[in-house]
Amino acid sequence: MERPRSHRTPTGTSSSRAPRRVSVEICTQLSERLEKQQTANRGELEKIRSKVGGCEKCSGLFNKEGRVRAAATSAGGTETDEEKEDLKSQLREMELELAQTKLQLVEAECKIQDLEHHLGLAFNEVQAAKKTWFNRTLSSIKTVTGTKETT
């Protein structure tokens, strides 16, 4: 898909500022959301580590860094597989949400570009109408005052 090019507005300023501002806002919001979720996950992980460390049966399954030891049985592996699947599912959902957001951004940029094009056309029509009106008014004033037009 070709990325829309920015057009110049009738005043000569670049029109790419607004889409960039919107994309920056979207990225900022997504980054903040991700940071909050990571912070919450770290806190929950610390709670789990402290509970596991306090349990005699469970503490033997993990090393000091909190990783599962190689001698762990399949009972602990089932929960880990479920957690992995849940995390993979969350990741897929976030990737899909990001893709949809990017699509919305591109659609918005295309619409902005189209509107700027229409604005330029309308501006040119208004300028032409003003010029025509001015010429007719000037001609009628000259006719009324009896001044002949010299070319």
C-alpha atoms as a PDB file:
ATOM      1  CA  MET A   1       0.000   0.000   0.000  1.00  0.00           C
ATOM      2  CA  GLU A   2       1.440   3.346  -1.023  1.00  0.00           C
ATOM      3  CA  ARG A   3       1.751   5.897   1.748  1.00  0.00           C
ATOM      4  CA  PRO A   4      -0.114   9.137   1.060  1.00  0.00           C
ATOM      5  CA  ARG A   5       2.023  12.123   0.235  1.00  0.00           C
ATOM      6  CA  SER A   6       1.536  15.371   2.059  1.00  0.00           C
ATOM      7  CA  HIS A   7       0.263  18.296   0.048  1.00  0.00           C
ATOM      8  CA  ARG A   8       0.906  21.952   0.587  1.00  0.00           C
ATOM      9  CA  THR A   9      -2.026  24.001   1.725  1.00  0.00           C
ATOM     10  CA  PRO A  10      -2.911  27.275  -0.026  1.00  0.00           C
ATOM     11  CA  THR A  11      -0.944  29.175   2.600  1.00  0.00           C
ATOM     12  CA  GLY A  12       2.154  27.106   1.803  1.00  0.00           C
ATOM     13  CA  THR A  13       2.515  25.251   5.108  1.00  0.00           C
ATOM     14  CA  SER A  14       3.054  21.513   5.256  1.00  0.00           C
ATOM     15  CA  SER A  15      -0.040  19.500   6.082  1.00  0.00           C
ATOM     16  CA  SER A  16       1.797  16.501   7.490  1.00  0.00           C
ATOM     17  CA  ARG A  17       1.895  17.945  11.019  1.00  0.00           C
ATOM     18  CA  ALA A  18      -1.634  16.927  11.996  1.00  0.00           C
ATOM     19  CA  PRO A  19      -1.310  13.239  10.991  1.00  0.00           C
ATOM     20  CA  ARG A  20       2.062  13.039  12.719  1.00  0.00           C
ATOM     21  CA  ARG A  21       0.593  14.572  15.860  1.00  0.00           C
ATOM     22  CA  VAL A  22      -2.237  12.042  15.804  1.00  0.00           C
ATOM     23  CA  SER A  23       0.144   9.132  15.279  1.00  0.00           C
ATOM     24  CA  VAL A  24       2.380  10.390  18.082  1.00  0.00           C
ATOM     25  CA  GLU A  25      -0.655  10.617  20.380  1.00  0.00           C
ATOM     26  CA  ILE A  26      -1.715   7.078  19.468  1.00  0.00           C
ATOM     27  CA  CYS A  27       1.800   5.717  20.030  1.00  0.00           C
ATOM     28  CA  THR A  28       2.056   7.573  23.334  1.00  0.00           C
ATOM     29  CA  GLN A  29      -1.244   6.143  24.517  1.00  0.00           C
ATOM     30  CA  LEU A  30      -0.238   2.625  23.503  1.00  0.00           C
ATOM     31  CA  SER A  31       3.166   3.015  25.185  1.00  0.00           C
ATOM     32  CA  GLU A  32       1.562   4.237  28.402  1.00  0.00           C
ATOM     33  CA  ARG A  33      -0.878   1.345  28.312  1.00  0.00           C
ATOM     34  CA  LEU A  34       1.949  -1.133  27.762  1.00  0.00           C
ATOM     35  CA  GLU A  35       4.003   0.359  30.617  1.00  0.00           C
ATOM     36  CA  LYS A  36       1.052   0.145  32.999  1.00  0.00           C
ATOM     37  CA  GLN A  37       0.427  -3.467  32.032  1.00  0.00           C
ATOM     38  CA  GLN A  38       4.122  -4.357  32.431  1.00  0.00           C
ATOM     39  CA  THR A  39       4.220  -2.703  35.864  1.00  0.00           C
ATOM     40  CA  ALA A  40       1.119  -4.595  36.958  1.00  0.00           C
ATOM     41  CA  ASN A  41       2.592  -7.867  35.653  1.00  0.00           C
ATOM     42  CA  ARG A  42       5.889  -7.279  37.474  1.00  0.00           C
ATOM     43  CA  GLY A  43       4.040  -6.633  40.725  1.00  0.00           C
ATOM     44  CA  GLU A  44       1.965  -9.759  40.335  1.00  0.00           C
ATOM     45  CA  LEU A  45       5.069 -11.776  39.459  1.00  0.00           C
ATOM     46  CA  GLU A  46       6.791 -10.562  42.640  1.00  0.00           C
ATOM     47  CA  LYS A  47       3.757 -11.594  44.701  1.00  0.00           C
ATOM     48  CA  ILE A  48       3.811 -15.044  43.153  1.00  0.00           C
ATOM     49  CA  ARG A  49       7.569 -15.391  43.695  1.00  0.00           C
ATOM     50  CA  SER A  50       7.221 -14.490  47.358  1.00  0.00           C
ATOM     51  CA  LYS A  51       4.385 -16.999  47.848  1.00  0.00           C
ATOM     52  CA  VAL A  52       6.282 -19.725  46.008  1.00  0.00           C
ATOM     53  CA  GLY A  53       9.420 -18.960  48.008  1.00  0.00           C
ATOM     54  CA  GLY A  54       7.461 -19.348  51.245  1.00  0.00           C
ATOM     55  CA  CYS A  55       6.088 -22.758  50.309  1.00  0.00           C
ATOM     56  CA  GLU A  56       8.326 -25.750  51.089  1.00  0.00           C
ATOM     57  CA  LYS A  57       6.994 -27.892  48.242  1.00  0.00           C
ATOM     58  CA  CYS A  58       7.071 -25.147  45.621  1.00  0.00           C
ATOM     59  CA  SER A  59      10.364 -23.471  46.506  1.00  0.00           C
ATOM     60  CA  GLY A  60      12.305 -26.564  45.456  1.00  0.00           C
ATOM     61  CA  LEU A  61      10.961 -26.310  41.906  1.00  0.00           C
ATOM     62  CA  PHE A  62      12.539 -22.910  41.239  1.00  0.00           C
ATOM     63  CA  ASN A  63      16.070 -21.511  41.338  1.00  0.00           C
ATOM     64  CA  LYS A  64      17.081 -18.162  42.888  1.00  0.00           C
ATOM     65  CA  GLU A  65      16.243 -16.215  39.713  1.00  0.00           C
ATOM     66  CA  GLY A  66      12.738 -17.677  39.745  1.00  0.00           C
ATOM     67  CA  ARG A  67      13.242 -19.975  36.773  1.00  0.00           C
ATOM     68  CA  VAL A  68      11.913 -23.524  36.741  1.00  0.00           C
ATOM     69  CA  ARG A  69      14.580 -26.126  37.466  1.00  0.00           C
ATOM     70  CA  ALA A  70      15.161 -28.825  34.871  1.00  0.00           C
ATOM     71  CA  ALA A  71      14.041 -31.549  37.332  1.00  0.00           C
ATOM     72  CA  ALA A  72      10.500 -30.093  37.490  1.00  0.00           C
ATOM     73  CA  THR A  73       7.710 -32.569  36.874  1.00  0.00           C
ATOM     74  CA  SER A  74       5.040 -32.302  34.214  1.00  0.00           C
ATOM     75  CA  ALA A  75       2.464 -31.030  36.733  1.00  0.00           C
ATOM     76  CA  GLY A  76       4.258 -27.676  36.878  1.00  0.00           C
ATOM     77  CA  GLY A  77       4.745 -27.753  33.116  1.00  0.00           C
ATOM     78  CA  THR A  78       1.006 -27.830  32.434  1.00  0.00           C
ATOM     79  CA  GLU A  79       0.427 -24.546  34.233  1.00  0.00           C
ATOM     80  CA  THR A  80       3.403 -23.020  32.450  1.00  0.00           C
ATOM     81  CA  ASP A  81       2.023 -24.127  29.072  1.00  0.00           C
ATOM     82  CA  GLU A  82      -1.349 -22.597  29.908  1.00  0.00           C
ATOM     83  CA  GLU A  83       0.320 -19.353  30.936  1.00  0.00           C
ATOM     84  CA  LYS A  84       2.330 -19.337  27.718  1.00  0.00           C
ATOM     85  CA  GLU A  85      -0.823 -19.836  25.660  1.00  0.00           C
ATOM     86  CA  ASP A  86      -2.559 -17.023  27.548  1.00  0.00           C
ATOM     87  CA  LEU A  87       0.385 -14.716  26.943  1.00  0.00           C
ATOM     88  CA  LYS A  88       0.522 -15.693  23.265  1.00  0.00           C
ATOM     89  CA  SER A  89      -3.181 -14.962  23.005  1.00  0.00           C
ATOM     90  CA  GLN A  90      -2.725 -11.541  24.632  1.00  0.00           C
ATOM     91  CA  LEU A  91       0.163 -10.813  22.283  1.00  0.00           C
ATOM     92  CA  ARG A  92      -1.926 -11.730  19.236  1.00  0.00           C
ATOM     93  CA  GLU A  93      -4.741  -9.481  20.459  1.00  0.00           C
ATOM     94  CA  MET A  94      -2.366  -6.549  20.982  1.00  0.00           C
ATOM     95  CA  GLU A  95      -0.779  -7.080  17.562  1.00  0.00           C
ATOM     96  CA  LEU A  96      -4.234  -7.115  15.983  1.00  0.00           C
ATOM     97  CA  GLU A  97      -5.183  -3.940  17.849  1.00  0.00           C
ATOM     98  CA  LEU A  98      -1.950  -2.278  16.697  1.00  0.00           C
ATOM     99  CA  ALA A  99      -2.608  -3.293  13.081  1.00  0.00           C
ATOM    100  CA  GLN A 100      -6.141  -1.893  13.282  1.00  0.00           C
ATOM    101  CA  THR A 101      -4.828   1.351  14.754  1.00  0.00           C
ATOM    102  CA  LYS A 102      -2.254   1.656  11.978  1.00  0.00           C
ATOM    103  CA  LEU A 103      -4.966   1.048   9.388  1.00  0.00           C
ATOM    104  CA  GLN A 104      -7.120   3.760  10.959  1.00  0.00           C
ATOM    105  CA  LEU A 105      -4.137   6.105  10.881  1.00  0.00           C
ATOM    106  CA  VAL A 106      -3.541   5.488   7.172  1.00  0.00           C
ATOM    107  CA  GLU A 107      -7.253   5.947   6.429  1.00  0.00           C
ATOM    108  CA  ALA A 108      -7.257   9.217   8.365  1.00  0.00           C
ATOM    109  CA  GLU A 109      -4.175  10.447   6.496  1.00  0.00           C
ATOM    110  CA  CYS A 110      -5.831   9.611   3.163  1.00  0.00           C
ATOM    111  CA  LYS A 111      -8.997  11.441   4.160  1.00  0.00           C
ATOM    112  CA  ILE A 112      -6.964  14.475   5.283  1.00  0.00           C
ATOM    113  CA  GLN A 113      -5.117  14.475   1.978  1.00  0.00           C
ATOM    114  CA  ASP A 114      -8.412  14.293   0.063  1.00  0.00           C
ATOM    115  CA  LEU A 115      -9.923  17.120   2.129  1.00  0.00           C
ATOM    116  CA  GLU A 116      -6.847  19.281   1.574  1.00  0.00           C
ATOM    117  CA  HIS A 117      -7.160  18.686  -2.162  1.00  0.00           C
ATOM    118  CA  HIS A 118     -10.824  19.756  -2.076  1.00  0.00           C
ATOM    119  CA  LEU A 119      -9.893  22.778   0.032  1.00  0.00           C
ATOM    120  CA  GLY A 120      -7.310  23.831  -2.559  1.00  0.00           C
ATOM    121  CA  LEU A 121      -9.847  23.485  -5.355  1.00  0.00           C
ATOM    122  CA  ALA A 122     -12.425  25.486  -3.431  1.00  0.00           C
ATOM    123  CA  PHE A 123      -9.841  28.159  -2.616  1.00  0.00           C
ATOM    124  CA  ASN A 124      -8.961  28.484  -6.313  1.00  0.00           C
ATOM    125  CA  GLU A 125     -12.648  28.767  -7.250  1.00  0.00           C
ATOM    126  CA  VAL A 126     -13.185  31.494  -4.664  1.00  0.00           C
ATOM    127  CA  GLN A 127     -10.161  33.401  -5.920  1.00  0.00           C
ATOM    128  CA  ALA A 128     -11.375  33.126  -9.530  1.00  0.00           C
ATOM    129  CA  ALA A 129     -14.870  34.263  -8.538  1.00  0.00           C
ATOM    130  CA  LYS A 130     -13.464  37.258  -6.648  1.00  0.00           C
ATOM    131  CA  LYS A 131     -11.345  38.225  -9.623  1.00  0.00           C
ATOM    132  CA  THR A 132     -14.285  37.946 -12.037  1.00  0.00           C
ATOM    133  CA  TRP A 133     -16.567  39.914  -9.716  1.00  0.00           C
ATOM    134  CA  PHE A 134     -13.914  42.602  -9.279  1.00  0.00           C
ATOM    135  CA  ASN A 135     -13.411  42.944 -13.049  1.00  0.00           C
ATOM    136  CA  ARG A 136     -17.175  43.210 -13.691  1.00  0.00           C
ATOM    137  CA  THR A 137     -17.584  45.778 -10.922  1.00  0.00           C
ATOM    138  CA  LEU A 138     -14.659  47.819 -12.193  1.00  0.00           C
ATOM    139  CA  SER A 139     -16.022  47.713 -15.764  1.00  0.00           C
ATOM    140  CA  SER A 140     -19.470  48.855 -14.667  1.00  0.00           C
ATOM    141  CA  ILE A 141     -17.952  51.722 -12.619  1.00  0.00           C
ATOM    142  CA  LYS A 142     -15.932  52.803 -15.649  1.00  0.00           C
ATOM    143  CA  THR A 143     -19.010  52.606 -17.845  1.00  0.00           C
ATOM    144  CA  VAL A 144     -21.074  54.677 -15.433  1.00  0.00           C
ATOM    145  CA  THR A 145     -18.400  57.330 -15.005  1.00  0.00           C
ATOM    146  CA  GLY A 146     -17.763  57.440 -18.746  1.00  0.00           C
ATOM    147  CA  THR A 147     -14.108  56.511 -18.459  1.00  0.00           C
ATOM    148  CA  LYS A 148     -12.910  54.492 -21.407  1.00  0.00           C
ATOM    149  CA  GLU A 149     -10.812  51.438 -20.725  1.00  0.00           C
ATOM    150  CA  THR A 150      -7.313  51.671 -22.166  1.00  0.00           C
ATOM    151  CA  THR A 151      -5.479  48.508 -22.985  1.00  0.00           C
END
